């Protein structure tokens, strides 16, 4: 976990918004893990979430001061660069929408 993260293939940097609130995480769909961290998973799909080939995984620690953010395959084992293939433009568009929503909820902030 780090204070600033970059998604594989992207040039934008994100950090935790200093105004973050625990209830905002739960409202946004974060799930509290056994260790007290907050985890968010969202499939990046074109037509059906069941056919998604990639997903966004975001984890914020329980103290709300460190985060990880990565786009992975459906198993969550391999990092995927969705920015290098033009056929994956709808996934990039959905990712941008999700990140904008998390910014609007004051969960993450651009650096």
N, C-alpha and C. Protein backbone atom coordinates (compact mmCIF):
# COMPACT_ATOMS: atom_id res chain seq x y z
N UNK A 1 0.83 -1.18 0.00
CA UNK A 1 0.00 0.00 0.00
C UNK A 1 0.88 1.24 0.00
N UNK A 2 0.35 2.30 -0.60
CA UNK A 2 1.13 3.52 -0.74
C UNK A 2 0.23 4.73 -0.56
N UNK A 3 0.86 5.90 -0.47
CA UNK A 3 0.10 7.14 -0.38
C UNK A 3 -0.36 7.59 -1.75
N UNK A 4 0.43 7.31 -2.79
CA UNK A 4 0.12 7.70 -4.16
C UNK A 4 0.20 6.46 -5.05
N UNK A 5 -0.81 6.28 -5.93
CA UNK A 5 -0.82 5.12 -6.81
C UNK A 5 -1.01 5.56 -8.26
N UNK A 6 -0.51 4.70 -9.16
CA UNK A 6 -0.68 4.87 -10.59
C UNK A 6 -1.20 3.55 -11.14
N UNK A 7 -2.26 3.59 -11.92
CA UNK A 7 -2.78 2.37 -12.55
C UNK A 7 -1.84 1.99 -13.68
N UNK A 8 -1.59 0.69 -13.83
CA UNK A 8 -0.69 0.18 -14.86
C UNK A 8 -1.06 0.71 -16.24
N UNK A 9 -0.17 1.47 -16.88
CA UNK A 9 -0.38 2.01 -18.22
C UNK A 9 -0.95 3.42 -18.24
N UNK A 10 -1.42 3.91 -17.12
CA UNK A 10 -2.00 5.25 -17.03
C UNK A 10 -0.93 6.21 -16.54
N UNK A 11 -1.09 7.50 -16.85
CA UNK A 11 -0.11 8.47 -16.37
C UNK A 11 -0.65 9.34 -15.24
N UNK A 12 -1.90 9.12 -14.85
CA UNK A 12 -2.48 9.88 -13.74
C UNK A 12 -2.09 9.26 -12.40
N UNK A 13 -1.95 10.11 -11.40
CA UNK A 13 -1.64 9.67 -10.05
C UNK A 13 -2.82 9.98 -9.15
N UNK A 14 -3.10 9.06 -8.23
CA UNK A 14 -4.20 9.26 -7.29
C UNK A 14 -3.71 9.04 -5.87
N UNK A 15 -4.38 9.71 -4.95
CA UNK A 15 -4.11 9.56 -3.53
C UNK A 15 -5.44 9.56 -2.80
N UNK A 16 -5.42 9.26 -1.52
CA UNK A 16 -6.65 9.29 -0.72
C UNK A 16 -7.01 10.75 -0.45
N UNK A 17 -8.27 11.07 -0.62
CA UNK A 17 -8.74 12.42 -0.34
C UNK A 17 -8.65 12.67 1.17
N UNK A 18 -8.09 13.80 1.60
CA UNK A 18 -7.98 14.07 3.03
C UNK A 18 -9.33 14.19 3.73
N UNK A 19 -10.40 14.42 2.97
CA UNK A 19 -11.74 14.55 3.55
C UNK A 19 -12.52 13.24 3.55
N UNK A 20 -11.85 12.10 3.37
CA UNK A 20 -12.50 10.81 3.27
C UNK A 20 -13.26 10.47 4.56
N UNK A 21 -14.41 9.84 4.38
CA UNK A 21 -15.24 9.40 5.50
C UNK A 21 -15.54 7.91 5.33
N UNK A 22 -15.61 7.19 6.43
CA UNK A 22 -15.89 5.74 6.37
C UNK A 22 -17.24 5.44 5.73
N UNK A 23 -18.25 6.24 6.05
CA UNK A 23 -19.58 5.96 5.49
C UNK A 23 -19.60 6.18 3.98
N UNK A 24 -18.75 7.06 3.45
CA UNK A 24 -18.67 7.26 2.01
C UNK A 24 -18.13 6.01 1.32
N UNK A 25 -17.22 5.32 1.98
CA UNK A 25 -16.68 4.08 1.43
C UNK A 25 -17.78 3.03 1.31
N UNK A 26 -18.56 2.89 2.35
CA UNK A 26 -19.63 1.89 2.35
C UNK A 26 -20.70 2.27 1.32
N UNK A 27 -21.03 3.55 1.21
CA UNK A 27 -22.01 4.00 0.21
C UNK A 27 -21.53 3.74 -1.21
N UNK A 28 -20.21 3.81 -1.43
CA UNK A 28 -19.64 3.61 -2.77
C UNK A 28 -19.52 2.13 -3.13
N UNK A 29 -19.74 1.23 -2.18
CA UNK A 29 -19.66 -0.20 -2.47
C UNK A 29 -18.43 -0.90 -1.94
N UNK A 30 -17.66 -0.23 -1.09
CA UNK A 30 -16.51 -0.87 -0.47
C UNK A 30 -17.00 -1.88 0.57
N UNK A 31 -16.28 -2.97 0.71
CA UNK A 31 -16.60 -4.00 1.69
C UNK A 31 -15.47 -4.05 2.70
N UNK A 32 -15.82 -4.14 3.98
CA UNK A 32 -14.81 -4.21 5.02
C UNK A 32 -14.30 -5.65 5.12
N UNK A 33 -12.97 -5.82 5.07
CA UNK A 33 -12.37 -7.16 5.15
C UNK A 33 -12.17 -7.56 6.60
N UNK A 34 -11.75 -8.81 6.81
CA UNK A 34 -11.50 -9.30 8.17
C UNK A 34 -10.41 -8.51 8.87
N UNK A 35 -9.46 -7.99 8.12
CA UNK A 35 -8.36 -7.20 8.70
C UNK A 35 -8.74 -5.74 8.93
N UNK A 36 -9.94 -5.37 8.56
CA UNK A 36 -10.39 -3.99 8.77
C UNK A 36 -10.16 -3.07 7.59
N UNK A 37 -9.56 -3.59 6.51
CA UNK A 37 -9.36 -2.78 5.31
C UNK A 37 -10.68 -2.66 4.54
N UNK A 38 -10.74 -1.70 3.63
CA UNK A 38 -11.91 -1.51 2.79
C UNK A 38 -11.53 -1.88 1.36
N UNK A 39 -12.28 -2.84 0.76
CA UNK A 39 -11.96 -3.34 -0.57
C UNK A 39 -13.11 -3.03 -1.53
N UNK A 40 -12.73 -2.61 -2.73
CA UNK A 40 -13.69 -2.29 -3.78
C UNK A 40 -13.28 -3.06 -5.03
N UNK A 41 -14.22 -3.82 -5.59
CA UNK A 41 -14.00 -4.53 -6.85
C UNK A 41 -15.13 -4.16 -7.80
N UNK A 42 -14.76 -3.84 -9.03
CA UNK A 42 -15.76 -3.51 -10.03
C UNK A 42 -15.33 -4.09 -11.37
N UNK A 43 -16.18 -4.92 -12.00
CA UNK A 43 -15.81 -5.46 -13.31
C UNK A 43 -15.83 -4.36 -14.36
N UNK A 44 -14.87 -4.41 -15.26
CA UNK A 44 -14.82 -3.49 -16.40
C UNK A 44 -15.33 -4.27 -17.60
N UNK A 45 -16.56 -4.02 -17.98
CA UNK A 45 -17.22 -4.84 -18.99
C UNK A 45 -17.84 -3.97 -20.06
N UNK A 46 -18.11 -4.58 -21.20
CA UNK A 46 -18.76 -3.87 -22.29
C UNK A 46 -20.26 -4.10 -22.26
N UNK A 47 -20.67 -5.36 -22.26
CA UNK A 47 -22.09 -5.70 -22.34
C UNK A 47 -22.62 -6.31 -21.05
N UNK A 48 -21.91 -7.27 -20.52
CA UNK A 48 -22.39 -7.99 -19.35
C UNK A 48 -21.27 -8.10 -18.31
N UNK A 49 -21.57 -7.84 -17.04
CA UNK A 49 -20.53 -7.97 -16.01
C UNK A 49 -20.06 -9.41 -15.85
N UNK A 50 -20.87 -10.37 -16.31
CA UNK A 50 -20.49 -11.78 -16.19
C UNK A 50 -19.45 -12.18 -17.23
N UNK A 51 -19.34 -11.38 -18.30
CA UNK A 51 -18.36 -11.65 -19.35
C UNK A 51 -17.14 -10.74 -19.25
N UNK A 52 -17.00 -10.03 -18.15
CA UNK A 52 -15.91 -9.07 -18.00
C UNK A 52 -14.57 -9.79 -18.02
N UNK A 53 -13.62 -9.19 -18.72
CA UNK A 53 -12.28 -9.77 -18.78
C UNK A 53 -11.33 -9.10 -17.81
N UNK A 54 -11.71 -7.93 -17.29
CA UNK A 54 -10.86 -7.19 -16.36
C UNK A 54 -11.71 -6.63 -15.23
N UNK A 55 -11.04 -6.30 -14.13
CA UNK A 55 -11.74 -5.66 -13.02
C UNK A 55 -10.83 -4.66 -12.34
N UNK A 56 -11.44 -3.65 -11.76
CA UNK A 56 -10.71 -2.67 -10.96
C UNK A 56 -10.74 -3.13 -9.51
N UNK A 57 -9.58 -3.19 -8.88
CA UNK A 57 -9.48 -3.54 -7.46
C UNK A 57 -8.84 -2.37 -6.73
N UNK A 58 -9.51 -1.92 -5.70
CA UNK A 58 -9.02 -0.79 -4.91
C UNK A 58 -9.14 -1.17 -3.45
N UNK A 59 -8.06 -1.01 -2.69
CA UNK A 59 -8.07 -1.32 -1.26
C UNK A 59 -7.53 -0.12 -0.49
N UNK A 60 -8.25 0.23 0.58
CA UNK A 60 -7.83 1.31 1.48
C UNK A 60 -7.70 0.70 2.87
N UNK A 61 -6.59 0.99 3.55
CA UNK A 61 -6.38 0.39 4.86
C UNK A 61 -7.33 0.98 5.90
N UNK A 62 -7.42 0.34 7.06
CA UNK A 62 -8.40 0.75 8.07
C UNK A 62 -8.13 2.13 8.65
N UNK A 63 -6.88 2.61 8.59
CA UNK A 63 -6.56 3.95 9.09
C UNK A 63 -6.84 5.04 8.04
N UNK A 64 -7.26 4.63 6.85
CA UNK A 64 -7.60 5.53 5.74
C UNK A 64 -6.44 6.41 5.32
N UNK A 65 -5.22 5.82 5.32
CA UNK A 65 -4.07 6.62 4.90
C UNK A 65 -3.21 5.95 3.83
N UNK A 66 -3.52 4.72 3.43
CA UNK A 66 -2.79 4.04 2.36
C UNK A 66 -3.78 3.33 1.45
N UNK A 67 -3.44 3.27 0.15
CA UNK A 67 -4.31 2.58 -0.79
C UNK A 67 -3.53 1.84 -1.86
N UNK A 68 -4.20 0.88 -2.48
CA UNK A 68 -3.70 0.21 -3.67
C UNK A 68 -4.82 0.28 -4.71
N UNK A 69 -4.42 0.40 -5.98
CA UNK A 69 -5.39 0.45 -7.06
C UNK A 69 -4.77 -0.24 -8.26
N UNK A 70 -5.46 -1.24 -8.80
CA UNK A 70 -4.92 -2.01 -9.91
C UNK A 70 -6.05 -2.54 -10.77
N UNK A 71 -5.79 -2.66 -12.08
CA UNK A 71 -6.70 -3.33 -13.00
C UNK A 71 -6.13 -4.72 -13.22
N UNK A 72 -6.95 -5.75 -12.95
CA UNK A 72 -6.49 -7.13 -13.05
C UNK A 72 -7.39 -7.94 -13.98
N UNK A 73 -6.96 -9.17 -14.26
CA UNK A 73 -7.82 -10.09 -14.99
C UNK A 73 -8.96 -10.52 -14.07
N UNK A 74 -9.88 -11.35 -14.56
CA UNK A 74 -11.05 -11.72 -13.77
C UNK A 74 -10.69 -12.51 -12.52
N UNK A 75 -9.56 -13.22 -12.54
CA UNK A 75 -9.13 -13.96 -11.36
C UNK A 75 -8.47 -13.07 -10.32
N UNK A 76 -8.05 -11.89 -10.74
CA UNK A 76 -7.38 -10.97 -9.83
C UNK A 76 -5.91 -11.29 -9.62
N UNK A 77 -5.34 -12.12 -10.49
CA UNK A 77 -3.96 -12.56 -10.30
C UNK A 77 -2.95 -11.80 -11.16
N UNK A 78 -3.35 -11.36 -12.34
CA UNK A 78 -2.44 -10.70 -13.27
C UNK A 78 -2.85 -9.25 -13.48
N UNK A 79 -1.88 -8.34 -13.43
CA UNK A 79 -2.15 -6.94 -13.77
C UNK A 79 -2.39 -6.84 -15.27
N UNK A 80 -3.31 -5.97 -15.66
CA UNK A 80 -3.66 -5.79 -17.06
C UNK A 80 -3.52 -4.31 -17.41
N UNK A 81 -2.91 -4.04 -18.57
CA UNK A 81 -2.78 -2.67 -19.07
C UNK A 81 -3.86 -2.46 -20.13
N UNK A 82 -4.97 -1.82 -19.75
CA UNK A 82 -6.08 -1.62 -20.69
C UNK A 82 -5.86 -0.39 -21.57
N UNK A 83 -4.80 0.35 -21.34
CA UNK A 83 -4.54 1.58 -22.08
C UNK A 83 -3.78 1.34 -23.38
N UNK A 84 -3.16 0.17 -23.55
CA UNK A 84 -2.32 -0.05 -24.73
C UNK A 84 -3.08 -0.63 -25.92
N UNK A 85 -4.33 -1.06 -25.72
CA UNK A 85 -5.11 -1.67 -26.80
C UNK A 85 -6.32 -0.79 -27.09
N UNK A 86 -6.44 -0.31 -28.32
CA UNK A 86 -7.54 0.59 -28.69
C UNK A 86 -8.89 -0.11 -28.64
N UNK A 87 -8.92 -1.43 -28.74
CA UNK A 87 -10.18 -2.16 -28.66
C UNK A 87 -10.74 -2.16 -27.24
N UNK A 88 -9.92 -1.82 -26.27
CA UNK A 88 -10.37 -1.78 -24.88
C UNK A 88 -10.80 -0.38 -24.45
N UNK A 89 -11.02 0.50 -25.42
CA UNK A 89 -11.44 1.88 -25.12
C UNK A 89 -12.71 1.95 -24.27
N UNK A 90 -13.71 1.06 -24.49
CA UNK A 90 -14.88 1.11 -23.60
C UNK A 90 -14.53 0.80 -22.13
N UNK A 91 -13.54 -0.04 -21.91
CA UNK A 91 -13.10 -0.33 -20.54
C UNK A 91 -12.44 0.89 -19.91
N UNK A 92 -11.65 1.60 -20.71
CA UNK A 92 -10.99 2.82 -20.23
C UNK A 92 -12.05 3.86 -19.89
N UNK A 93 -13.08 3.96 -20.73
CA UNK A 93 -14.16 4.91 -20.49
C UNK A 93 -14.90 4.57 -19.19
N UNK A 94 -15.18 3.30 -18.95
CA UNK A 94 -15.84 2.88 -17.71
C UNK A 94 -14.93 3.13 -16.51
N UNK A 95 -13.64 2.86 -16.65
CA UNK A 95 -12.69 3.12 -15.58
C UNK A 95 -12.68 4.60 -15.23
N UNK A 96 -12.65 5.45 -16.24
CA UNK A 96 -12.66 6.90 -15.99
C UNK A 96 -13.94 7.33 -15.28
N UNK A 97 -15.07 6.72 -15.63
CA UNK A 97 -16.34 7.03 -14.97
C UNK A 97 -16.29 6.63 -13.49
N UNK A 98 -15.76 5.44 -13.20
CA UNK A 98 -15.66 4.97 -11.82
C UNK A 98 -14.73 5.87 -11.01
N UNK A 99 -13.58 6.21 -11.57
CA UNK A 99 -12.63 7.07 -10.87
C UNK A 99 -13.23 8.46 -10.61
N UNK A 100 -13.97 8.99 -11.57
CA UNK A 100 -14.63 10.28 -11.39
C UNK A 100 -15.66 10.21 -10.27
N UNK A 101 -16.41 9.10 -10.21
CA UNK A 101 -17.39 8.92 -9.14
C UNK A 101 -16.71 8.86 -7.77
N UNK A 102 -15.59 8.15 -7.69
CA UNK A 102 -14.85 8.07 -6.42
C UNK A 102 -14.27 9.43 -6.03
N UNK A 103 -13.88 10.23 -7.01
CA UNK A 103 -13.41 11.60 -6.74
C UNK A 103 -14.57 12.46 -6.23
N UNK A 104 -15.73 12.34 -6.85
CA UNK A 104 -16.89 13.13 -6.45
C UNK A 104 -17.34 12.78 -5.03
N UNK A 105 -17.14 11.54 -4.64
CA UNK A 105 -17.51 11.11 -3.28
C UNK A 105 -16.43 11.42 -2.26
N UNK A 106 -15.36 12.09 -2.69
CA UNK A 106 -14.23 12.49 -1.85
C UNK A 106 -13.54 11.28 -1.21
N UNK A 107 -13.37 10.22 -2.03
CA UNK A 107 -12.64 9.04 -1.57
C UNK A 107 -11.21 9.10 -2.07
N UNK A 108 -11.04 9.40 -3.36
CA UNK A 108 -9.70 9.56 -3.93
C UNK A 108 -9.58 10.97 -4.50
N UNK A 109 -8.35 11.39 -4.72
CA UNK A 109 -8.09 12.70 -5.31
C UNK A 109 -6.90 12.59 -6.26
N UNK A 110 -6.92 13.31 -7.39
CA UNK A 110 -5.78 13.30 -8.28
C UNK A 110 -4.61 14.06 -7.64
N UNK A 111 -3.40 13.65 -7.99
CA UNK A 111 -2.20 14.33 -7.46
C UNK A 111 -1.73 15.37 -8.45
